[in-house]
Amino acid sequence: MPVKGYGQKLKLFFLGRLEEGKGVNMLLDLESRLLQVNIQTEWTIIGKGTLRESLTKSWQCNRNVQFLSPDTSDDVYEILSKQDILFFQLDLKAPRSLY
């Protein structure tokens, strides 16, 4: 697998419900922290939920994010295949299962 070279943008992808407790609110803070250490990013956020409008407003100054609503699972897989890192349900307090 190729390694990102210096100056290349890291492609980050969130997939999940845009709701409280899913961790999606943590993404903008993560973006800020990555910029502090000079890591350039491109974000793709896919999901529906009550936070979509407020998230869109929170990210409006960032030109490196796109909110998408793919029509099919195949569309999601196509987008996912072009990403470096996938985030989904970032809630660290949620119960975990090994099954």
PDB file of N, CA and C in Angstrom:
ATOM      1  N   MET A   1       0.845  -1.172   0.000  1.00  0.00           N
ATOM      2  CA  MET A   1       0.000   0.000   0.000  1.00  0.00           C
ATOM      3  C   MET A   1       0.892   1.238   0.000  1.00  0.00           C
ATOM      4  N   PRO A   2       0.634   2.187  -0.882  1.00  0.00           N
ATOM      5  CA  PRO A   2       1.454   3.399  -0.943  1.00  0.00           C
ATOM      6  C   PRO A   2       1.291   4.248   0.314  1.00  0.00           C
ATOM      7  N   VAL A   3       2.360   4.922   0.670  1.00  0.00           N
ATOM      8  CA  VAL A   3       2.359   5.809   1.827  1.00  0.00           C
ATOM      9  C   VAL A   3       2.202   7.237   1.331  1.00  0.00           C
ATOM     10  N   LYS A   4       1.422   8.041   2.060  1.00  0.00           N
ATOM     11  CA  LYS A   4       1.239   9.441   1.687  1.00  0.00           C
ATOM     12  C   LYS A   4       2.578  10.163   1.743  1.00  0.00           C
ATOM     13  N   GLY A   5       2.845  10.941   0.730  1.00  0.00           N
ATOM     14  CA  GLY A   5       4.062  11.722   0.683  1.00  0.00           C
ATOM     15  C   GLY A   5       3.873  13.085   1.319  1.00  0.00           C
ATOM     16  N   TYR A   6       4.962  13.752   1.607  1.00  0.00           N
ATOM     17  CA  TYR A   6       4.918  15.081   2.187  1.00  0.00           C
ATOM     18  C   TYR A   6       4.133  16.011   1.276  1.00  0.00           C
ATOM     19  N   GLY A   7       3.223  16.756   1.850  1.00  0.00           N
ATOM     20  CA  GLY A   7       2.443  17.704   1.082  1.00  0.00           C
ATOM     21  C   GLY A   7       1.149  17.144   0.504  1.00  0.00           C
ATOM     22  N   GLN A   8       0.963  15.833   0.575  1.00  0.00           N
ATOM     23  CA  GLN A   8      -0.279  15.248   0.089  1.00  0.00           C
ATOM     24  C   GLN A   8      -1.348  15.332   1.179  1.00  0.00           C
ATOM     25  N   LYS A   9      -2.567  15.565   0.759  1.00  0.00           N
ATOM     26  CA  LYS A   9      -3.665  15.674   1.713  1.00  0.00           C
ATOM     27  C   LYS A   9      -4.130  14.292   2.162  1.00  0.00           C
ATOM     28  N   LEU A  10      -4.402  14.181   3.446  1.00  0.00           N
ATOM     29  CA  LEU A  10      -4.948  12.972   4.026  1.00  0.00           C
ATOM     30  C   LEU A  10      -6.456  12.986   3.804  1.00  0.00           C
ATOM     31  N   LYS A  11      -6.994  11.937   3.205  1.00  0.00           N
ATOM     32  CA  LYS A  11      -8.415  11.872   2.881  1.00  0.00           C
ATOM     33  C   LYS A  11      -9.152  11.135   3.995  1.00  0.00           C
ATOM     34  N   LEU A  12     -10.009  11.879   4.700  1.00  0.00           N
ATOM     35  CA  LEU A  12     -10.723  11.359   5.859  1.00  0.00           C
ATOM     36  C   LEU A  12     -12.205  11.271   5.555  1.00  0.00           C
ATOM     37  N   PHE A  13     -12.840  10.227   6.053  1.00  0.00           N
ATOM     38  CA  PHE A  13     -14.202   9.892   5.684  1.00  0.00           C
ATOM     39  C   PHE A  13     -14.995   9.544   6.932  1.00  0.00           C
ATOM     40  N   PHE A  14     -16.126  10.237   7.151  1.00  0.00           N
ATOM     41  CA  PHE A  14     -17.037   9.870   8.238  1.00  0.00           C
ATOM     42  C   PHE A  14     -18.299   9.308   7.620  1.00  0.00           C
ATOM     43  N   LEU A  15     -18.734   8.160   8.137  1.00  0.00           N
ATOM     44  CA  LEU A  15     -19.949   7.512   7.674  1.00  0.00           C
ATOM     45  C   LEU A  15     -20.788   7.169   8.898  1.00  0.00           C
ATOM     46  N   GLY A  16     -21.967   7.752   8.989  1.00  0.00           N
ATOM     47  CA  GLY A  16     -22.836   7.428  10.115  1.00  0.00           C
ATOM     48  C   GLY A  16     -23.924   8.461  10.312  1.00  0.00           C
ATOM     49  N   ARG A  17     -24.746   8.209  11.309  1.00  0.00           N
ATOM     50  CA  ARG A  17     -25.816   9.136  11.648  1.00  0.00           C
ATOM     51  C   ARG A  17     -25.206  10.412  12.198  1.00  0.00           C
ATOM     52  N   LEU A  18     -25.731  11.524  11.768  1.00  0.00           N
ATOM     53  CA  LEU A  18     -25.263  12.831  12.236  1.00  0.00           C
ATOM     54  C   LEU A  18     -26.132  13.235  13.417  1.00  0.00           C
ATOM     55  N   GLU A  19     -25.858  12.581  14.553  1.00  0.00           N
ATOM     56  CA  GLU A  19     -26.635  12.743  15.772  1.00  0.00           C
ATOM     57  C   GLU A  19     -25.698  12.892  16.969  1.00  0.00           C
ATOM     58  N   GLU A  20     -26.225  13.473  18.034  1.00  0.00           N
ATOM     59  CA  GLU A  20     -25.491  13.531  19.299  1.00  0.00           C
ATOM     60  C   GLU A  20     -25.117  12.109  19.701  1.00  0.00           C
ATOM     61  N   GLY A  21     -23.963  11.946  20.305  1.00  0.00           N
ATOM     62  CA  GLY A  21     -23.544  10.637  20.785  1.00  0.00           C
ATOM     63  C   GLY A  21     -22.865   9.771  19.746  1.00  0.00           C
ATOM     64  N   LYS A  22     -22.806  10.218  18.515  1.00  0.00           N
ATOM     65  CA  LYS A  22     -22.134   9.445  17.464  1.00  0.00           C
ATOM     66  C   LYS A  22     -20.706   9.921  17.237  1.00  0.00           C
ATOM     67  N   GLY A  23     -20.332  11.013  17.882  1.00  0.00           N
ATOM     68  CA  GLY A  23     -18.964  11.493  17.791  1.00  0.00           C
ATOM     69  C   GLY A  23     -18.672  12.410  16.631  1.00  0.00           C
ATOM     70  N   VAL A  24     -19.660  12.680  15.810  1.00  0.00           N
ATOM     71  CA  VAL A  24     -19.428  13.510  14.631  1.00  0.00           C
ATOM     72  C   VAL A  24     -19.010  14.926  15.026  1.00  0.00           C
ATOM     73  N   ASN A  25     -19.408  15.368  16.211  1.00  0.00           N
ATOM     74  CA  ASN A  25     -19.006  16.701  16.683  1.00  0.00           C
ATOM     75  C   ASN A  25     -17.510  16.791  16.952  1.00  0.00           C
ATOM     76  N   MET A  26     -16.849  15.680  17.095  1.00  0.00           N
ATOM     77  CA  MET A  26     -15.416  15.658  17.372  1.00  0.00           C
ATOM     78  C   MET A  26     -14.568  15.919  16.122  1.00  0.00           C
ATOM     79  N   LEU A  27     -15.161  15.816  14.946  1.00  0.00           N
ATOM     80  CA  LEU A  27     -14.393  15.904  13.706  1.00  0.00           C
ATOM     81  C   LEU A  27     -13.763  17.270  13.483  1.00  0.00           C
ATOM     82  N   LEU A  28     -14.482  18.335  13.788  1.00  0.00           N
ATOM     83  CA  LEU A  28     -13.937  19.674  13.579  1.00  0.00           C
ATOM     84  C   LEU A  28     -12.758  19.928  14.521  1.00  0.00           C
ATOM     85  N   ASP A  29     -12.842  19.411  15.745  1.00  0.00           N
ATOM     86  CA  ASP A  29     -11.718  19.510  16.677  1.00  0.00           C
ATOM     87  C   ASP A  29     -10.522  18.709  16.155  1.00  0.00           C
ATOM     88  N   LEU A  30     -10.792  17.544  15.616  1.00  0.00           N
ATOM     89  CA  LEU A  30      -9.719  16.729  15.029  1.00  0.00           C
ATOM     90  C   LEU A  30      -9.072  17.465  13.863  1.00  0.00           C
ATOM     91  N   GLU A  31      -9.890  18.097  13.036  1.00  0.00           N
ATOM     92  CA  GLU A  31      -9.362  18.888  11.915  1.00  0.00           C
ATOM     93  C   GLU A  31      -8.420  19.970  12.429  1.00  0.00           C
ATOM     94  N   SER A  32      -8.814  20.667  13.475  1.00  0.00           N
ATOM     95  CA  SER A  32      -7.988  21.729  14.055  1.00  0.00           C
ATOM     96  C   SER A  32      -6.657  21.177  14.568  1.00  0.00           C
ATOM     97  N   ARG A  33      -6.713  20.045  15.230  1.00  0.00           N
ATOM     98  CA  ARG A  33      -5.494  19.428  15.766  1.00  0.00           C
ATOM     99  C   ARG A  33      -4.553  18.970  14.650  1.00  0.00           C
ATOM    100  N   LEU A  34      -5.117  18.442  13.585  1.00  0.00           N
ATOM    101  CA  LEU A  34      -4.282  18.017  12.459  1.00  0.00           C
ATOM    102  C   LEU A  34      -3.608  19.215  11.794  1.00  0.00           C
ATOM    103  N   LEU A  35      -4.325  20.311  11.672  1.00  0.00           N
ATOM    104  CA  LEU A  35      -3.736  21.519  11.091  1.00  0.00           C
ATOM    105  C   LEU A  35      -2.603  22.060  11.961  1.00  0.00           C
ATOM    106  N   GLN A  36      -2.732  21.915  13.278  1.00  0.00           N
ATOM    107  CA  GLN A  36      -1.687  22.386  14.191  1.00  0.00           C
ATOM    108  C   GLN A  36      -0.356  21.673  13.959  1.00  0.00           C
ATOM    109  N   VAL A  37      -0.422  20.451  13.467  1.00  0.00           N
ATOM    110  CA  VAL A  37       0.802  19.691  13.180  1.00  0.00           C
ATOM    111  C   VAL A  37       1.046  19.591  11.675  1.00  0.00           C
ATOM    112  N   ASN A  38       0.471  20.547  10.938  1.00  0.00           N
ATOM    113  CA  ASN A  38       0.685  20.695   9.493  1.00  0.00           C
ATOM    114  C   ASN A  38       0.256  19.495   8.659  1.00  0.00           C
ATOM    115  N   ILE A  39      -0.812  18.841   9.074  1.00  0.00           N
ATOM    116  CA  ILE A  39      -1.374  17.767   8.262  1.00  0.00           C
ATOM    117  C   ILE A  39      -2.581  18.330   7.533  1.00  0.00           C
ATOM    118  N   GLN A  40      -2.474  18.378   6.217  1.00  0.00           N
ATOM    119  CA  GLN A  40      -3.565  18.875   5.373  1.00  0.00           C
ATOM    120  C   GLN A  40      -4.550  17.743   5.108  1.00  0.00           C
ATOM    121  N   THR A  41      -5.827  18.069   5.096  1.00  0.00           N
ATOM    122  CA  THR A  41      -6.852  17.043   4.968  1.00  0.00           C
ATOM    123  C   THR A  41      -7.889  17.390   3.912  1.00  0.00           C
ATOM    124  N   GLU A  42      -8.595  16.358   3.498  1.00  0.00           N
ATOM    125  CA  GLU A  42      -9.821  16.465   2.713  1.00  0.00           C
ATOM    126  C   GLU A  42     -10.835  15.572   3.410  1.00  0.00           C
ATOM    127  N   TRP A  43     -11.962  16.154   3.816  1.00  0.00           N
ATOM    128  CA  TRP A  43     -12.994  15.419   4.530  1.00  0.00           C
ATOM    129  C   TRP A  43     -14.170  15.110   3.617  1.00  0.00           C
ATOM    130  N   THR A  44     -14.704  13.920   3.758  1.00  0.00           N
ATOM    131  CA  THR A  44     -15.975  13.549   3.152  1.00  0.00           C
ATOM    132  C   THR A  44     -16.857  13.044   4.284  1.00  0.00           C
ATOM    133  N   ILE A  45     -18.029  13.641   4.419  1.00  0.00           N
ATOM    134  CA  ILE A  45     -18.956  13.266   5.487  1.00  0.00           C
ATOM    135  C   ILE A  45     -20.253  12.807   4.838  1.00  0.00           C
ATOM    136  N   ILE A  46     -20.625  11.568   5.167  1.00  0.00           N
ATOM    137  CA  ILE A  46     -21.859  11.000   4.646  1.00  0.00           C
ATOM    138  C   ILE A  46     -22.729  10.592   5.824  1.00  0.00           C
ATOM    139  N   GLY A  47     -23.934  11.090   5.825  1.00  0.00           N
ATOM    140  CA  GLY A  47     -24.877  10.715   6.862  1.00  0.00           C
ATOM    141  C   GLY A  47     -26.055  11.663   6.897  1.00  0.00           C
ATOM    142  N   LYS A  48     -27.082  11.211   7.550  1.00  0.00           N
ATOM    143  CA  LYS A  48     -28.273  12.020   7.744  1.00  0.00           C
ATOM    144  C   LYS A  48     -28.513  12.136   9.239  1.00  0.00           C
ATOM    145  N   GLY A  49     -29.217  13.182   9.622  1.00  0.00           N
ATOM    146  CA  GLY A  49     -29.562  13.319  11.026  1.00  0.00           C
ATOM    147  C   GLY A  49     -29.802  14.756  11.413  1.00  0.00           C
ATOM    148  N   THR A  50     -30.148  14.935  12.673  1.00  0.00           N
ATOM    149  CA  THR A  50     -30.543  16.251  13.172  1.00  0.00           C
ATOM    150  C   THR A  50     -29.388  17.247  13.216  1.00  0.00           C
ATOM    151  N   LEU A  51     -28.148  16.773  13.186  1.00  0.00           N
ATOM    152  CA  LEU A  51     -26.992  17.678  13.267  1.00  0.00           C
ATOM    153  C   LEU A  51     -26.479  18.121  11.897  1.00  0.00           C
ATOM    154  N   ARG A  52     -27.046  17.613  10.834  1.00  0.00           N
ATOM    155  CA  ARG A  52     -26.503  17.907   9.499  1.00  0.00           C
ATOM    156  C   ARG A  52     -26.434  19.414   9.226  1.00  0.00           C
ATOM    157  N   GLU A  53     -27.501  20.130   9.500  1.00  0.00           N
ATOM    158  CA  GLU A  53     -27.519  21.564   9.219  1.00  0.00           C
ATOM    159  C   GLU A  53     -26.493  22.311  10.069  1.00  0.00           C
ATOM    160  N   SER A  54     -26.425  22.001  11.367  1.00  0.00           N
ATOM    161  CA  SER A  54     -25.462  22.701  12.221  1.00  0.00           C
ATOM    162  C   SER A  54     -24.024  22.333  11.867  1.00  0.00           C
ATOM    163  N   LEU A  55     -23.791  21.097  11.469  1.00  0.00           N
ATOM    164  CA  LEU A  55     -22.442  20.694  11.043  1.00  0.00           C
ATOM    165  C   LEU A  55     -22.035  21.413   9.765  1.00  0.00           C
ATOM    166  N   THR A  56     -22.965  21.512   8.835  1.00  0.00           N
ATOM    167  CA  THR A  56     -22.684  22.219   7.588  1.00  0.00           C
ATOM    168  C   THR A  56     -22.295  23.670   7.879  1.00  0.00           C
ATOM    169  N   LYS A  57     -23.003  24.301   8.802  1.00  0.00           N
ATOM    170  CA  LYS A  57     -22.686  25.679   9.184  1.00  0.00           C
ATOM    171  C   LYS A  57     -21.334  25.757   9.885  1.00  0.00           C
ATOM    172  N   SER A  58     -21.048  24.805  10.772  1.00  0.00           N
ATOM    173  CA  SER A  58     -19.778  24.801  11.506  1.00  0.00           C
ATOM    174  C   SER A  58     -18.575  24.655  10.577  1.00  0.00           C
ATOM    175  N   TRP A  59     -18.743  23.922   9.496  1.00  0.00           N
ATOM    176  CA  TRP A  59     -17.658  23.654   8.558  1.00  0.00           C
ATOM    177  C   TRP A  59     -17.642  24.627   7.383  1.00  0.00           C
ATOM    178  N   GLN A  60     -18.561  25.597   7.336  1.00  0.00           N
ATOM    179  CA  GLN A  60     -18.706  26.417   6.137  1.00  0.00           C
ATOM    180  C   GLN A  60     -17.454  27.193   5.752  1.00  0.00           C
ATOM    181  N   CYS A  61     -16.577  27.477   6.689  1.00  0.00           N
ATOM    182  CA  CYS A  61     -15.330  28.197   6.371  1.00  0.00           C
ATOM    183  C   CYS A  61     -14.242  27.255   5.857  1.00  0.00           C
ATOM    184  N   ASN A  62     -14.479  25.967   5.965  1.00  0.00           N
ATOM    185  CA  ASN A  62     -13.500  24.975   5.529  1.00  0.00           C
ATOM    186  C   ASN A  62     -13.814  24.535   4.107  1.00  0.00           C
ATOM    187  N   ARG A  63     -12.888  24.774   3.206  1.00  0.00           N
ATOM    188  CA  ARG A  63     -13.093  24.379   1.813  1.00  0.00           C
ATOM    189  C   ARG A  63     -12.669  22.929   1.569  1.00  0.00           C
ATOM    190  N   ASN A  64     -12.213  22.274   2.607  1.00  0.00           N
ATOM    191  CA  ASN A  64     -11.694  20.921   2.460  1.00  0.00           C
ATOM    192  C   ASN A  64     -12.693  19.853   2.921  1.00  0.00           C
ATOM    193  N   VAL A  65     -13.981  20.205   2.959  1.00  0.00           N
ATOM    194  CA  VAL A  65     -14.993  19.234   3.398  1.00  0.00           C
ATOM    195  C   VAL A  65     -16.138  19.198   2.393  1.00  0.00           C
ATOM    196  N   GLN A  66     -16.671  17.999   2.211  1.00  0.00           N
ATOM    197  CA  GLN A  66     -17.871  17.859   1.401  1.00  0.00           C
ATOM    198  C   GLN A  66     -18.852  16.947   2.139  1.00  0.00           C
ATOM    199  N   PHE A  67     -20.091  17.372   2.179  1.00  0.00           N
ATOM    200  CA  PHE A  67     -21.172  16.574   2.740  1.00  0.00           C
ATOM    201  C   PHE A  67     -21.902  15.935   1.562  1.00  0.00           C
ATOM    202  N   LEU A  68     -21.929  14.609   1.541  1.00  0.00           N
ATOM    203  CA  LEU A  68     -22.522  13.898   0.416  1.00  0.00           C
ATOM    204  C   LEU A  68     -23.711  13.056   0.862  1.00  0.00           C
ATOM    205  N   SER A  69     -24.588  12.798  -0.072  1.00  0.00           N
ATOM    206  CA  SER A  69     -25.743  11.921   0.148  1.00  0.00           C
ATOM    207  C   SER A  69     -25.841  10.954  -1.025  1.00  0.00           C
ATOM    208  N   PRO A  70     -25.004   9.919  -1.025  1.00  0.00           N
ATOM    209  CA  PRO A  70     -25.010   8.975  -2.140  1.00  0.00           C
ATOM    210  C   PRO A  70     -26.354   8.243  -2.227  1.00  0.00           C
ATOM    211  N   ASP A  71     -26.719   7.860  -3.437  1.00  0.00           N
ATOM    212  CA  ASP A  71     -27.996   7.194  -3.673  1.00  0.00           C
ATOM    213  C   ASP A  71     -27.978   5.706  -3.332  1.00  0.00           C
ATOM    214  N   THR A  72     -26.841   5.066  -3.528  1.00  0.00           N
ATOM    215  CA  THR A  72     -26.781   3.607  -3.352  1.00  0.00           C
ATOM    216  C   THR A  72     -25.569   3.205  -2.516  1.00  0.00           C
ATOM    217  N   SER A  73     -25.603   1.981  -2.047  1.00  0.00           N
ATOM    218  CA  SER A  73     -24.444   1.434  -1.328  1.00  0.00           C
ATOM    219  C   SER A  73     -23.222   1.383  -2.229  1.00  0.00           C
ATOM    220  N   ASP A  74     -23.424   1.083  -3.502  1.00  0.00           N
ATOM    221  CA  ASP A  74     -22.304   1.055  -4.444  1.00  0.00           C
ATOM    222  C   ASP A  74     -21.643   2.423  -4.540  1.00  0.00           C
ATOM    223  N   ASP A  75     -22.446   3.484  -4.498  1.00  0.00           N
ATOM    224  CA  ASP A  75     -21.893   4.844  -4.508  1.00  0.00           C
ATOM    225  C   ASP A  75     -21.036   5.086  -3.267  1.00  0.00           C
ATOM    226  N   VAL A  76     -21.518   4.607  -2.117  1.00  0.00           N
ATOM    227  CA  VAL A  76     -20.756   4.745  -0.868  1.00  0.00           C
ATOM    228  C   VAL A  76     -19.437   3.992  -0.985  1.00  0.00           C
ATOM    229  N   TYR A  77     -19.474   2.768  -1.496  1.00  0.00           N
ATOM    230  CA  TYR A  77     -18.251   1.977  -1.650  1.00  0.00           C
ATOM    231  C   TYR A  77     -17.257   2.648  -2.588  1.00  0.00           C
ATOM    232  N   GLU A  78     -17.754   3.254  -3.638  1.00  0.00           N
ATOM    233  CA  GLU A  78     -16.882   3.964  -4.586  1.00  0.00           C
ATOM    234  C   GLU A  78     -16.179   5.126  -3.893  1.00  0.00           C
ATOM    235  N   ILE A  79     -16.930   5.890  -3.121  1.00  0.00           N
ATOM    236  CA  ILE A  79     -16.344   7.018  -2.379  1.00  0.00           C
ATOM    237  C   ILE A  79     -15.344   6.499  -1.349  1.00  0.00           C
ATOM    238  N   LEU A  80     -15.735   5.466  -0.627  1.00  0.00           N
ATOM    239  CA  LEU A  80     -14.874   4.886   0.406  1.00  0.00           C
ATOM    240  C   LEU A  80     -13.558   4.384  -0.164  1.00  0.00           C
ATOM    241  N   SER A  81     -13.586   3.845  -1.365  1.00  0.00           N
ATOM    242  CA  SER A  81     -12.370   3.282  -1.963  1.00  0.00           C
ATOM    243  C   SER A  81     -11.304   4.337  -2.230  1.00  0.00           C
ATOM    244  N   LYS A  82     -11.683   5.604  -2.212  1.00  0.00           N
ATOM    245  CA  LYS A  82     -10.739   6.682  -2.503  1.00  0.00           C
ATOM    246  C   LYS A  82     -10.249   7.388  -1.237  1.00  0.00           C
ATOM    247  N   GLN A  83     -10.595   6.864  -0.063  1.00  0.00           N
ATOM    248  CA  GLN A  83     -10.254   7.508   1.207  1.00  0.00           C
ATOM    249  C   GLN A  83      -9.074   6.807   1.870  1.00  0.00           C
ATOM    250  N   ASP A  84      -8.447   7.521   2.801  1.00  0.00           N
ATOM    251  CA  ASP A  84      -7.336   6.949   3.566  1.00  0.00           C
ATOM    252  C   ASP A  84      -7.793   6.395   4.908  1.00  0.00           C
ATOM    253  N   ILE A  85      -8.704   7.117   5.589  1.00  0.00           N
ATOM    254  CA  ILE A  85      -9.132   6.733   6.933  1.00  0.00           C
ATOM    255  C   ILE A  85     -10.643   6.875   7.037  1.00  0.00           C
ATOM    256  N   LEU A  86     -11.294   5.863   7.621  1.00  0.00           N
ATOM    257  CA  LEU A  86     -12.735   5.862   7.830  1.00  0.00           C
ATOM    258  C   LEU A  86     -13.027   6.028   9.323  1.00  0.00           C
ATOM    259  N   PHE A  87     -13.923   6.950   9.636  1.00  0.00           N
ATOM    260  CA  PHE A  87     -14.432   7.114  10.991  1.00  0.00           C
ATOM    261  C   PHE A  87     -15.910   6.761  10.977  1.00  0.00           C
ATOM    262  N   PHE A  88     -16.348   6.016  11.985  1.00  0.00           N
ATOM    263  CA  PHE A  88     -17.778   5.796  12.142  1.00  0.00           C
ATOM    264  C   PHE A  88     -18.059   5.571  13.616  1.00  0.00           C
ATOM    265  N   GLN A  89     -19.162   6.109  14.069  1.00  0.00           N
ATOM    266  CA  GLN A  89     -19.581   6.103  15.464  1.00  0.00           C
ATOM    267  C   GLN A  89     -18.402   6.225  16.415  1.00  0.00           C
ATOM    268  N   LEU A  90     -18.016   7.463  16.643  1.00  0.00           N
ATOM    269  CA  LEU A  90     -16.849   7.761  17.466  1.00  0.00           C
ATOM    270  C   LEU A  90     -17.165   7.864  18.954  1.00  0.00           C
ATOM    271  N   ASP A  91     -18.355   7.458  19.374  1.00  0.00           N
ATOM    272  CA  ASP A  91     -18.753   7.570  20.765  1.00  0.00           C
ATOM    273  C   ASP A  91     -17.982   6.566  21.612  1.00  0.00           C
ATOM    274  N   LEU A  92     -17.063   7.064  22.409  1.00  0.00           N
ATOM    275  CA  LEU A  92     -16.235   6.177  23.229  1.00  0.00           C
ATOM    276  C   LEU A  92     -16.975   5.657  24.446  1.00  0.00           C
ATOM    277  N   LYS A  93     -18.137   6.240  24.768  1.00  0.00           N
ATOM    278  CA  LYS A  93     -18.910   5.801  25.922  1.00  0.00           C
ATOM    279  C   LYS A  93     -19.912   4.703  25.562  1.00  0.00           C
ATOM    280  N   ALA A  94     -20.096   4.449  24.286  1.00  0.00           N
ATOM    281  CA  ALA A  94     -21.077   3.446  23.856  1.00  0.00           C
ATOM    282  C   ALA A  94     -20.618   2.068  24.284  1.00  0.00           C
ATOM    283  N   PRO A  95     -21.569   1.176  24.624  1.00  0.00           N
ATOM    284  CA  PRO A  95     -21.202  -0.185  24.984  1.00  0.00           C
ATOM    285  C   PRO A  95     -20.503  -0.901  23.833  1.00  0.00           C
ATOM    286  N   ARG A  96     -19.570  -1.738  24.152  1.00  0.00           N
ATOM    287  CA  ARG A  96     -18.813  -2.478  23.151  1.00  0.00           C
ATOM    288  C   ARG A  96     -19.133  -3.969  23.280  1.00  0.00           C
ATOM    289  N   SER A  97     -19.018  -4.635  22.171  1.00  0.00           N
ATOM    290  CA  SER A  97     -19.254  -6.074  22.157  1.00  0.00           C
ATOM    291  C   SER A  97     -18.154  -6.724  21.330  1.00  0.00           C
ATOM    292  N   LEU A  98     -17.784  -7.906  21.699  1.00  0.00           N
ATOM    293  CA  LEU A  98     -16.779  -8.638  20.929  1.00  0.00           C
ATOM    294  C   LEU A  98     -17.422  -9.562  19.913  1.00  0.00           C
ATOM    295  N   TYR A  99     -18.720  -9.622  19.869  1.00  0.00           N
ATOM    296  CA  TYR A  99     -19.423 -10.505  18.942  1.00  0.00           C
ATOM    297  C   TYR A  99     -19.564  -9.861  17.594  1.00  0.00           C
TER     298      TYR A  99
END
